[in-house]
Amino acid sequence: MTPRTHPVASAVAALLPLVRAEATAEAPAAGMEAADLEQTVWLRLFETWGRGGPPAEPARWVRSVVRAQARRSRRTARRERPIGGRVPEPEDDVGHGPEGALLMAERRRAVWAALERTPGDCPRLLAAMLSPNDLTYREIAGELGISQGSLGPMRSRCLGCLRRMLAVEVGAPARGGKER
């Protein structure tokens, strides 16, 4: 005689790969750890389960909760401000001389570090676009093995992802700023 598994345990086992994959995909752009995002999704699932049973379409529900939590995290990060002072603007703290050069180098390292954490082919695309060789779209498309027509939309998605990641790490611009 085999022991019966609890319905919640079987649902968790069935949804685990999807939750993990969705959280891993959305976490970098949200500026949070994938494990934290995954944990929040499980919490929401168990809250929903406790209120009235499992969602009707679990896969769709998981995707929507992961994306909603990622959006919530980005909004929260934009609103956070340091205690006891204004947020320095980038041009405020970069002076001339060795200190300014050091700060600019640190910013460059932060951008390249964030660039390497972007999902998919974004690191290769953005690195090609930032190349000192000043490659044309045709050369970049050939290097990546994609059509030149798909380069623009891909570049836009990658830059948006990089922008969201840097906004979380470096701070979002003030209201009315240039970020969309």
N, C-alpha and C. Protein backbone atom coordinates (compact mmCIF):
# COMPACT_ATOMS: atom_id res chain seq x y z
N MET A 1 0.85 -1.18 0.00
CA MET A 1 0.00 0.00 0.00
C MET A 1 0.90 1.24 0.00
N THR A 2 0.64 2.17 -0.91
CA THR A 2 1.46 3.38 -1.01
C THR A 2 0.77 4.51 -0.27
N PRO A 3 1.56 5.38 0.38
CA PRO A 3 0.95 6.50 1.07
C PRO A 3 0.43 7.53 0.07
N ARG A 4 -0.69 8.16 0.40
CA ARG A 4 -1.27 9.19 -0.46
C ARG A 4 -0.54 10.51 -0.25
N THR A 5 -0.30 11.20 -1.33
CA THR A 5 0.33 12.51 -1.19
C THR A 5 -0.74 13.57 -1.04
N HIS A 6 -0.42 14.56 -0.29
CA HIS A 6 -1.35 15.67 -0.05
C HIS A 6 -1.50 16.46 -1.34
N PRO A 7 -2.70 16.98 -1.65
CA PRO A 7 -2.90 17.73 -2.90
C PRO A 7 -2.00 18.97 -3.00
N VAL A 8 -1.71 19.61 -1.88
CA VAL A 8 -0.85 20.79 -1.91
C VAL A 8 0.57 20.37 -2.29
N ALA A 9 1.03 19.26 -1.75
CA ALA A 9 2.38 18.78 -2.06
C ALA A 9 2.51 18.44 -3.54
N SER A 10 1.49 17.81 -4.11
CA SER A 10 1.57 17.48 -5.53
C SER A 10 1.50 18.75 -6.39
N ALA A 11 0.73 19.76 -5.97
CA ALA A 11 0.67 21.02 -6.71
C ALA A 11 2.00 21.75 -6.65
N VAL A 12 2.64 21.74 -5.47
CA VAL A 12 3.94 22.39 -5.32
C VAL A 12 4.96 21.70 -6.22
N ALA A 13 4.96 20.39 -6.23
CA ALA A 13 5.91 19.65 -7.07
C ALA A 13 5.68 19.95 -8.55
N ALA A 14 4.42 20.09 -8.95
CA ALA A 14 4.11 20.35 -10.35
C ALA A 14 4.48 21.78 -10.75
N LEU A 15 4.32 22.74 -9.83
CA LEU A 15 4.56 24.14 -10.16
C LEU A 15 6.00 24.60 -9.91
N LEU A 16 6.77 23.81 -9.19
CA LEU A 16 8.14 24.21 -8.82
C LEU A 16 8.99 24.64 -10.01
N PRO A 17 9.07 23.87 -11.09
CA PRO A 17 9.91 24.30 -12.22
C PRO A 17 9.44 25.62 -12.85
N LEU A 18 8.13 25.79 -12.96
CA LEU A 18 7.59 27.02 -13.55
C LEU A 18 7.87 28.22 -12.66
N VAL A 19 7.63 28.09 -11.37
CA VAL A 19 7.87 29.20 -10.44
C VAL A 19 9.35 29.58 -10.46
N ARG A 20 10.20 28.59 -10.42
CA ARG A 20 11.64 28.85 -10.42
C ARG A 20 12.08 29.53 -11.72
N ALA A 21 11.59 29.06 -12.86
CA ALA A 21 11.96 29.64 -14.15
C ALA A 21 11.46 31.08 -14.29
N GLU A 22 10.22 31.31 -13.92
CA GLU A 22 9.65 32.67 -14.02
C GLU A 22 10.38 33.63 -13.08
N ALA A 23 10.65 33.20 -11.86
CA ALA A 23 11.34 34.06 -10.89
C ALA A 23 12.76 34.37 -11.37
N THR A 24 13.44 33.37 -11.91
CA THR A 24 14.80 33.57 -12.41
C THR A 24 14.80 34.55 -13.59
N ALA A 25 13.78 34.49 -14.43
CA ALA A 25 13.71 35.38 -15.59
C ALA A 25 13.39 36.82 -15.21
N GLU A 26 12.52 37.02 -14.24
CA GLU A 26 12.06 38.36 -13.89
C GLU A 26 12.92 39.05 -12.83
N ALA A 27 13.63 38.31 -12.02
CA ALA A 27 14.36 38.89 -10.89
C ALA A 27 15.41 39.92 -11.27
N PRO A 28 16.25 39.68 -12.29
CA PRO A 28 17.28 40.68 -12.59
C PRO A 28 16.71 42.06 -12.92
N ALA A 29 15.64 42.10 -13.71
CA ALA A 29 15.05 43.39 -14.07
C ALA A 29 14.36 44.04 -12.88
N ALA A 30 13.93 43.23 -11.93
CA ALA A 30 13.27 43.78 -10.74
C ALA A 30 14.28 44.20 -9.69
N GLY A 31 15.54 43.86 -9.89
CA GLY A 31 16.56 44.23 -8.92
C GLY A 31 16.48 43.46 -7.63
N MET A 32 16.04 42.22 -7.73
CA MET A 32 15.94 41.40 -6.53
C MET A 32 16.47 40.01 -6.81
N GLU A 33 16.70 39.28 -5.76
CA GLU A 33 17.19 37.91 -5.91
C GLU A 33 16.06 37.01 -6.38
N ALA A 34 16.38 36.06 -7.24
CA ALA A 34 15.37 35.14 -7.76
C ALA A 34 14.74 34.33 -6.63
N ALA A 35 15.53 33.95 -5.64
CA ALA A 35 15.00 33.16 -4.52
C ALA A 35 13.98 33.97 -3.72
N ASP A 36 14.21 35.28 -3.57
CA ASP A 36 13.26 36.12 -2.85
C ASP A 36 11.94 36.23 -3.61
N LEU A 37 12.06 36.40 -4.91
CA LEU A 37 10.86 36.49 -5.75
C LEU A 37 10.10 35.16 -5.72
N GLU A 38 10.82 34.07 -5.80
CA GLU A 38 10.21 32.75 -5.75
C GLU A 38 9.48 32.54 -4.42
N GLN A 39 10.11 32.94 -3.34
CA GLN A 39 9.50 32.78 -2.01
C GLN A 39 8.21 33.58 -1.91
N THR A 40 8.19 34.78 -2.47
CA THR A 40 6.99 35.60 -2.44
C THR A 40 5.86 34.95 -3.23
N VAL A 41 6.20 34.35 -4.35
CA VAL A 41 5.18 33.67 -5.16
C VAL A 41 4.57 32.50 -4.38
N TRP A 42 5.43 31.71 -3.71
CA TRP A 42 4.89 30.60 -2.92
C TRP A 42 3.99 31.11 -1.80
N LEU A 43 4.39 32.21 -1.18
CA LEU A 43 3.56 32.78 -0.12
C LEU A 43 2.19 33.17 -0.66
N ARG A 44 2.17 33.85 -1.82
CA ARG A 44 0.89 34.24 -2.44
C ARG A 44 0.06 32.99 -2.81
N LEU A 45 0.72 31.94 -3.29
CA LEU A 45 0.00 30.72 -3.66
C LEU A 45 -0.67 30.12 -2.43
N PHE A 46 0.07 30.03 -1.34
CA PHE A 46 -0.52 29.43 -0.13
C PHE A 46 -1.60 30.31 0.47
N GLU A 47 -1.46 31.63 0.35
CA GLU A 47 -2.53 32.52 0.81
C GLU A 47 -3.79 32.31 -0.03
N THR A 48 -3.60 32.21 -1.35
CA THR A 48 -4.74 31.99 -2.24
C THR A 48 -5.37 30.63 -1.97
N TRP A 49 -4.54 29.63 -1.78
CA TRP A 49 -5.02 28.28 -1.51
C TRP A 49 -5.84 28.26 -0.22
N GLY A 50 -5.39 29.00 0.79
CA GLY A 50 -6.09 29.04 2.07
C GLY A 50 -7.43 29.75 2.01
N ARG A 51 -7.56 30.69 1.07
CA ARG A 51 -8.80 31.45 0.96
C ARG A 51 -9.87 30.75 0.15
N GLY A 52 -9.50 29.83 -0.73
CA GLY A 52 -10.55 29.22 -1.53
C GLY A 52 -10.07 28.14 -2.46
N GLY A 53 -8.97 27.57 -2.18
CA GLY A 53 -8.49 26.49 -3.02
C GLY A 53 -7.50 26.97 -4.06
N PRO A 54 -7.04 26.07 -4.89
CA PRO A 54 -6.02 26.42 -5.88
C PRO A 54 -6.59 27.31 -6.97
N PRO A 55 -5.73 28.10 -7.63
CA PRO A 55 -6.21 28.91 -8.75
C PRO A 55 -6.70 28.02 -9.89
N ALA A 56 -7.63 28.54 -10.68
CA ALA A 56 -8.21 27.76 -11.77
C ALA A 56 -7.15 27.38 -12.82
N GLU A 57 -6.31 28.33 -13.20
CA GLU A 57 -5.24 28.09 -14.16
C GLU A 57 -3.91 28.37 -13.48
N PRO A 58 -3.30 27.39 -12.83
CA PRO A 58 -2.10 27.64 -12.03
C PRO A 58 -0.93 28.25 -12.81
N ALA A 59 -0.68 27.81 -14.04
CA ALA A 59 0.45 28.34 -14.80
C ALA A 59 0.27 29.82 -15.10
N ARG A 60 -0.91 30.19 -15.55
CA ARG A 60 -1.20 31.60 -15.83
C ARG A 60 -1.13 32.42 -14.54
N TRP A 61 -1.64 31.86 -13.47
CA TRP A 61 -1.63 32.54 -12.17
C TRP A 61 -0.18 32.79 -11.72
N VAL A 62 0.67 31.79 -11.85
CA VAL A 62 2.07 31.94 -11.44
C VAL A 62 2.74 33.05 -12.24
N ARG A 63 2.55 33.04 -13.55
CA ARG A 63 3.17 34.08 -14.38
C ARG A 63 2.70 35.48 -13.98
N SER A 64 1.40 35.62 -13.76
CA SER A 64 0.89 36.95 -13.41
C SER A 64 1.38 37.40 -12.04
N VAL A 65 1.48 36.49 -11.08
CA VAL A 65 1.96 36.87 -9.75
C VAL A 65 3.43 37.23 -9.79
N VAL A 66 4.23 36.48 -10.53
CA VAL A 66 5.67 36.79 -10.62
C VAL A 66 5.85 38.18 -11.24
N ARG A 67 5.15 38.46 -12.32
CA ARG A 67 5.31 39.76 -12.97
C ARG A 67 4.77 40.89 -12.09
N ALA A 68 3.66 40.66 -11.40
CA ALA A 68 3.12 41.69 -10.52
C ALA A 68 4.09 41.99 -9.37
N GLN A 69 4.68 40.96 -8.80
CA GLN A 69 5.62 41.16 -7.71
C GLN A 69 6.89 41.87 -8.21
N ALA A 70 7.34 41.57 -9.41
CA ALA A 70 8.51 42.24 -9.98
C ALA A 70 8.21 43.72 -10.19
N ARG A 71 7.01 44.04 -10.71
CA ARG A 71 6.62 45.44 -10.88
C ARG A 71 6.57 46.15 -9.53
N ARG A 72 6.00 45.49 -8.53
CA ARG A 72 5.91 46.07 -7.18
C ARG A 72 7.30 46.37 -6.63
N SER A 73 8.22 45.47 -6.85
CA SER A 73 9.59 45.66 -6.37
C SER A 73 10.25 46.84 -7.07
N ARG A 74 10.05 46.98 -8.38
CA ARG A 74 10.63 48.12 -9.10
C ARG A 74 10.04 49.43 -8.61
N ARG A 75 8.72 49.48 -8.41
CA ARG A 75 8.09 50.71 -7.90
C ARG A 75 8.62 51.07 -6.53
N THR A 76 8.77 50.09 -5.67
CA THR A 76 9.28 50.33 -4.32
C THR A 76 10.69 50.88 -4.39
N ALA A 77 11.51 50.31 -5.23
CA ALA A 77 12.90 50.77 -5.35
C ALA A 77 12.96 52.21 -5.85
N ARG A 78 12.05 52.58 -6.73
CA ARG A 78 12.04 53.97 -7.23
C ARG A 78 11.67 54.96 -6.14
N ARG A 79 10.82 54.54 -5.23
CA ARG A 79 10.36 55.45 -4.17
C ARG A 79 11.31 55.55 -2.99
N GLU A 80 12.19 54.59 -2.83
CA GLU A 80 13.09 54.60 -1.69
C GLU A 80 14.07 55.75 -1.78
N ARG A 81 14.26 56.43 -0.66
CA ARG A 81 15.20 57.54 -0.58
C ARG A 81 16.04 57.37 0.68
N PRO A 82 17.29 57.83 0.65
CA PRO A 82 18.10 57.74 1.85
C PRO A 82 17.55 58.63 2.96
N ILE A 83 17.76 58.22 4.17
CA ILE A 83 17.27 58.98 5.31
C ILE A 83 18.21 60.15 5.55
N GLY A 84 17.62 61.33 5.78
CA GLY A 84 18.40 62.49 6.19
C GLY A 84 19.14 63.20 5.09
N GLY A 85 18.63 63.27 3.93
CA GLY A 85 19.32 64.06 2.90
C GLY A 85 18.75 63.83 1.53
N ARG A 86 19.20 64.68 0.63
CA ARG A 86 18.73 64.54 -0.74
C ARG A 86 19.60 63.53 -1.48
N VAL A 87 19.08 63.03 -2.55
CA VAL A 87 19.81 62.07 -3.37
C VAL A 87 20.76 62.86 -4.26
N PRO A 88 22.07 62.59 -4.19
CA PRO A 88 22.98 63.33 -5.05
C PRO A 88 22.80 62.96 -6.51
N GLU A 89 22.83 63.95 -7.35
CA GLU A 89 22.75 63.71 -8.79
C GLU A 89 24.12 63.23 -9.27
N PRO A 90 24.18 62.44 -10.33
CA PRO A 90 25.46 61.94 -10.80
C PRO A 90 26.49 63.04 -11.06
N GLU A 91 26.04 64.16 -11.65
CA GLU A 91 27.02 65.20 -11.95
C GLU A 91 27.46 65.95 -10.68
N ASP A 92 26.69 65.85 -9.59
CA ASP A 92 27.05 66.51 -8.34
C ASP A 92 28.32 65.93 -7.73
N ASP A 93 28.47 64.63 -7.79
CA ASP A 93 29.56 64.01 -7.06
C ASP A 93 30.76 63.65 -7.92
N VAL A 94 30.74 64.00 -9.19
CA VAL A 94 31.89 63.75 -10.04
C VAL A 94 32.61 65.07 -10.24
N GLY A 95 33.71 65.20 -9.57
CA GLY A 95 34.51 66.41 -9.71
C GLY A 95 35.63 66.16 -10.70
N HIS A 96 36.55 67.09 -10.71
CA HIS A 96 37.71 66.95 -11.57
C HIS A 96 38.84 66.38 -10.74
N GLY A 97 39.79 65.83 -11.40
CA GLY A 97 40.93 65.29 -10.68
C GLY A 97 40.79 63.81 -10.43
N PRO A 98 41.61 63.29 -9.52
CA PRO A 98 41.63 61.84 -9.28
C PRO A 98 40.32 61.30 -8.72
N GLU A 99 39.64 62.09 -7.87
CA GLU A 99 38.37 61.61 -7.30
C GLU A 99 37.31 61.43 -8.38
N GLY A 100 37.21 62.42 -9.27
CA GLY A 100 36.24 62.34 -10.36
C GLY A 100 36.53 61.18 -11.29
N ALA A 101 37.82 60.97 -11.59
CA ALA A 101 38.20 59.86 -12.46
C ALA A 101 37.86 58.53 -11.80
N LEU A 102 38.08 58.44 -10.50
CA LEU A 102 37.76 57.22 -9.77
C LEU A 102 36.25 56.95 -9.77
N LEU A 103 35.46 58.00 -9.54
CA LEU A 103 34.01 57.83 -9.54
C LEU A 103 33.49 57.43 -10.92
N MET A 104 34.03 58.03 -11.96
CA MET A 104 33.60 57.66 -13.31
C MET A 104 33.98 56.21 -13.62
N ALA A 105 35.16 55.80 -13.20
CA ALA A 105 35.58 54.41 -13.43
C ALA A 105 34.68 53.46 -12.67
N GLU A 106 34.29 53.82 -11.46
CA GLU A 106 33.39 52.98 -10.65
C GLU A 106 32.02 52.87 -11.32
N ARG A 107 31.54 53.97 -11.87
CA ARG A 107 30.25 53.93 -12.58
C ARG A 107 30.34 53.03 -13.81
N ARG A 108 31.44 53.14 -14.54
CA ARG A 108 31.63 52.28 -15.70
C ARG A 108 31.62 50.82 -15.30
N ARG A 109 32.30 50.50 -14.20
CA ARG A 109 32.32 49.11 -13.71
C ARG A 109 30.92 48.65 -13.32
N ALA A 110 30.14 49.54 -12.70
CA ALA A 110 28.77 49.19 -12.31
C ALA A 110 27.91 48.91 -13.54
N VAL A 111 28.06 49.72 -14.57
CA VAL A 111 27.29 49.51 -15.80
C VAL A 111 27.68 48.19 -16.45
N TRP A 112 28.98 47.91 -16.55
CA TRP A 112 29.42 46.66 -17.18
C TRP A 112 29.01 45.46 -16.34
N ALA A 113 29.04 45.59 -15.01
CA ALA A 113 28.61 44.47 -14.15
C ALA A 113 27.13 44.20 -14.35
N ALA A 114 26.32 45.26 -14.42
CA ALA A 114 24.88 45.08 -14.65
C ALA A 114 24.64 44.52 -16.05
N LEU A 115 25.40 45.00 -17.02
CA LEU A 115 25.27 44.53 -18.39
C LEU A 115 25.48 43.02 -18.47
N GLU A 116 26.46 42.51 -17.73
CA GLU A 116 26.75 41.08 -17.77
C GLU A 116 25.65 40.24 -17.11
N ARG A 117 24.82 40.85 -16.27
CA ARG A 117 23.74 40.12 -15.60
C ARG A 117 22.43 40.18 -16.36
N THR A 118 22.38 40.92 -17.47
CA THR A 118 21.14 40.99 -18.24
C THR A 118 20.83 39.62 -18.84
N PRO A 119 19.56 39.32 -19.07
CA PRO A 119 19.19 37.98 -19.55
C PRO A 119 19.43 37.78 -21.04
N GLY A 120 19.49 36.53 -21.44
CA GLY A 120 19.54 36.14 -22.85
C GLY A 120 20.79 36.61 -23.57
N ASP A 121 20.56 37.12 -24.79
CA ASP A 121 21.66 37.61 -25.62
C ASP A 121 22.00 39.07 -25.34
N CYS A 122 21.35 39.68 -24.37
CA CYS A 122 21.58 41.10 -24.08
C CYS A 122 23.04 41.42 -23.77
N PRO A 123 23.76 40.62 -22.97
CA PRO A 123 25.16 40.98 -22.72
C PRO A 123 25.98 41.09 -24.00
N ARG A 124 25.79 40.14 -24.93
CA ARG A 124 26.55 40.18 -26.18
C ARG A 124 26.16 41.38 -27.03
N LEU A 125 24.85 41.66 -27.10
CA LEU A 125 24.37 42.78 -27.90
C LEU A 125 24.88 44.11 -27.34
N LEU A 126 24.70 44.31 -26.04
CA LEU A 126 25.11 45.59 -25.44
C LEU A 126 26.63 45.76 -25.49
N ALA A 127 27.37 44.68 -25.30
CA ALA A 127 28.83 44.78 -25.39
C ALA A 127 29.25 45.16 -26.82
N ALA A 128 28.57 44.60 -27.82
CA ALA A 128 28.88 44.95 -29.21
C ALA A 128 28.55 46.41 -29.49
N MET A 129 27.46 46.90 -28.90
CA MET A 129 27.07 48.29 -29.13
C MET A 129 28.01 49.25 -28.41
N LEU A 130 28.58 48.84 -27.29
CA LEU A 130 29.51 49.68 -26.55
C LEU A 130 30.96 49.48 -26.98
N SER A 131 31.16 48.66 -27.98
CA SER A 131 32.51 48.35 -28.46
C SER A 131 33.22 49.61 -28.94
N PRO A 132 34.50 49.74 -28.64
CA PRO A 132 35.25 50.90 -29.13
C PRO A 132 35.42 50.88 -30.65
N ASN A 133 35.13 49.77 -31.30
CA ASN A 133 35.25 49.66 -32.76
C ASN A 133 34.13 50.37 -33.50
N ASP A 134 33.10 50.84 -32.77
CA ASP A 134 31.97 51.57 -33.34
C ASP A 134 31.35 50.80 -34.50
N LEU A 135 30.84 49.59 -34.19
CA LEU A 135 30.27 48.70 -35.19
C LEU A 135 28.95 49.24 -35.73
N THR A 136 28.65 48.96 -36.99
CA THR A 136 27.37 49.32 -37.58
C THR A 136 26.34 48.27 -37.18
N TYR A 137 25.05 48.58 -37.43
CA TYR A 137 23.99 47.61 -37.14
C TYR A 137 24.22 46.33 -37.92
N ARG A 138 24.63 46.46 -39.18
CA ARG A 138 24.86 45.28 -40.01
C ARG A 138 25.96 44.40 -39.40
N GLU A 139 27.05 45.01 -38.94
CA GLU A 139 28.14 44.25 -38.35
C GLU A 139 27.72 43.59 -37.04
N ILE A 140 26.94 44.31 -36.23
CA ILE A 140 26.47 43.75 -34.96
C ILE A 140 25.54 42.57 -35.22
N ALA A 141 24.61 42.73 -36.18
CA ALA A 141 23.68 41.65 -36.52
C ALA A 141 24.46 40.44 -37.02
N GLY A 142 25.48 40.65 -37.84
CA GLY A 142 26.28 39.54 -38.34
C GLY A 142 27.05 38.85 -37.22
N GLU A 143 27.58 39.64 -36.28
CA GLU A 143 28.33 39.08 -35.16
C GLU A 143 27.43 38.24 -34.24
N LEU A 144 26.18 38.69 -34.07
CA LEU A 144 25.24 37.97 -33.20
C LEU A 144 24.48 36.87 -33.92
N GLY A 145 24.54 36.87 -35.25
CA GLY A 145 23.83 35.86 -36.02
C GLY A 145 22.33 36.06 -36.04
N ILE A 146 21.89 37.33 -36.04
CA ILE A 146 20.46 37.63 -36.09
C ILE A 146 20.21 38.58 -37.25
N SER A 147 18.94 38.77 -37.62
CA SER A 147 18.64 39.67 -38.72
C SER A 147 18.79 41.12 -38.25
N GLN A 148 19.12 41.97 -39.18
CA GLN A 148 19.33 43.38 -38.86
C GLN A 148 18.02 44.02 -38.41
N GLY A 149 16.89 43.55 -38.93
CA GLY A 149 15.59 44.10 -38.56
C GLY A 149 15.19 43.81 -37.12
N SER A 150 15.68 42.70 -36.58
CA SER A 150 15.32 42.38 -35.19
C SER A 150 16.27 43.01 -34.18
N LEU A 151 17.30 43.66 -34.67
CA LEU A 151 18.30 44.27 -33.78
C LEU A 151 17.71 45.44 -32.99
N GLY A 152 16.93 46.29 -33.65
CA GLY A 152 16.35 47.46 -32.98
C GLY A 152 15.45 47.09 -31.81
N PRO A 153 14.44 46.21 -32.02
CA PRO A 153 13.58 45.82 -30.90
C PRO A 153 14.34 45.10 -29.79
N MET A 154 15.31 44.27 -30.18
CA MET A 154 16.12 43.57 -29.18
C MET A 154 16.95 44.56 -28.37
N ARG A 155 17.53 45.54 -29.04
CA ARG A 155 18.31 46.58 -28.37
C ARG A 155 17.43 47.35 -27.39
N SER A 156 16.22 47.67 -27.81
CA SER A 156 15.29 48.40 -26.95
C SER A 156 14.95 47.60 -25.69
N ARG A 157 14.67 46.30 -25.85
CA ARG A 157 14.37 45.45 -24.69
C ARG A 157 15.57 45.36 -23.76
N CYS A 158 16.75 45.17 -24.33
CA CYS A 158 17.96 45.02 -23.52
C CYS A 158 18.29 46.30 -22.76
N LEU A 159 18.15 47.45 -23.44
CA LEU A 159 18.42 48.72 -22.77
C LEU A 159 17.40 48.98 -21.67
N GLY A 160 16.14 48.60 -21.91
CA GLY A 160 15.12 48.75 -20.87
C GLY A 160 15.44 47.90 -19.65
N CYS A 161 15.86 46.69 -19.89
CA CYS A 161 16.24 45.80 -18.79
C CYS A 161 17.43 46.37 -18.03
N LEU A 162 18.44 46.83 -18.75
CA LEU A 162 19.63 47.42 -18.12
C LEU A 162 19.25 48.68 -17.34
N ARG A 163 18.36 49.49 -17.90
CA ARG A 163 17.92 50.71 -17.23
C ARG A 163 17.22 50.38 -15.91
N ARG A 164 16.35 49.37 -15.92
CA ARG A 164 15.65 48.99 -14.69
C ARG A 164 16.63 48.45 -13.65
N MET A 165 17.60 47.67 -14.09
CA MET A 165 18.59 47.12 -13.16
C MET A 165 19.42 48.23 -12.53
N LEU A 166 19.85 49.18 -13.35
CA LEU A 166 20.69 50.27 -12.83
C LEU A 166 19.87 51.22 -11.97
N ALA A 167 18.58 51.38 -12.28
CA ALA A 167 17.74 52.25 -11.46
C ALA A 167 17.63 51.71 -10.04
N VAL A 168 17.59 50.41 -9.91
CA VAL A 168 17.53 49.79 -8.59
C VAL A 168 18.86 49.94 -7.86
N GLU A 169 19.96 49.75 -8.59
CA GLU A 169 21.28 49.78 -7.96
C GLU A 169 21.78 51.19 -7.69
N VAL A 170 21.54 52.11 -8.63
CA VAL A 170 22.11 53.43 -8.52
C VAL A 170 21.10 54.46 -8.07
N GLY A 171 19.84 54.17 -8.20
CA GLY A 171 18.80 55.12 -7.80
C GLY A 171 18.08 55.61 -9.04
N ALA A 172 16.78 55.74 -8.93
CA ALA A 172 15.98 56.19 -10.06
C ALA A 172 16.01 57.71 -10.15
N PRO A 173 15.82 58.26 -11.35
CA PRO A 173 15.78 59.71 -11.49
C PRO A 173 14.56 60.28 -10.78
N ALA A 174 14.63 61.55 -10.48
CA ALA A 174 13.52 62.23 -9.80
C ALA A 174 12.31 62.25 -10.71
N ARG A 175 11.15 62.54 -10.14
CA ARG A 175 9.92 62.63 -10.91
C ARG A 175 10.10 63.61 -12.05
N GLY A 176 9.62 63.23 -13.21
CA GLY A 176 9.78 64.09 -14.37
C GLY A 176 11.12 63.90 -15.06
N GLY A 177 11.88 62.89 -14.61
CA GLY A 177 13.17 62.60 -15.21
C GLY A 177 12.99 61.95 -16.56
N LYS A 178 14.05 61.48 -17.14
CA LYS A 178 14.01 60.95 -18.49
C LYS A 178 13.68 59.48 -18.56
N GLU A 179 13.62 58.79 -17.44
CA GLU A 179 13.33 57.35 -17.50
C GLU A 179 11.85 57.16 -17.80
N ARG A 180 11.57 56.16 -18.64
CA ARG A 180 10.17 55.88 -18.95
C ARG A 180 9.71 54.70 -18.16
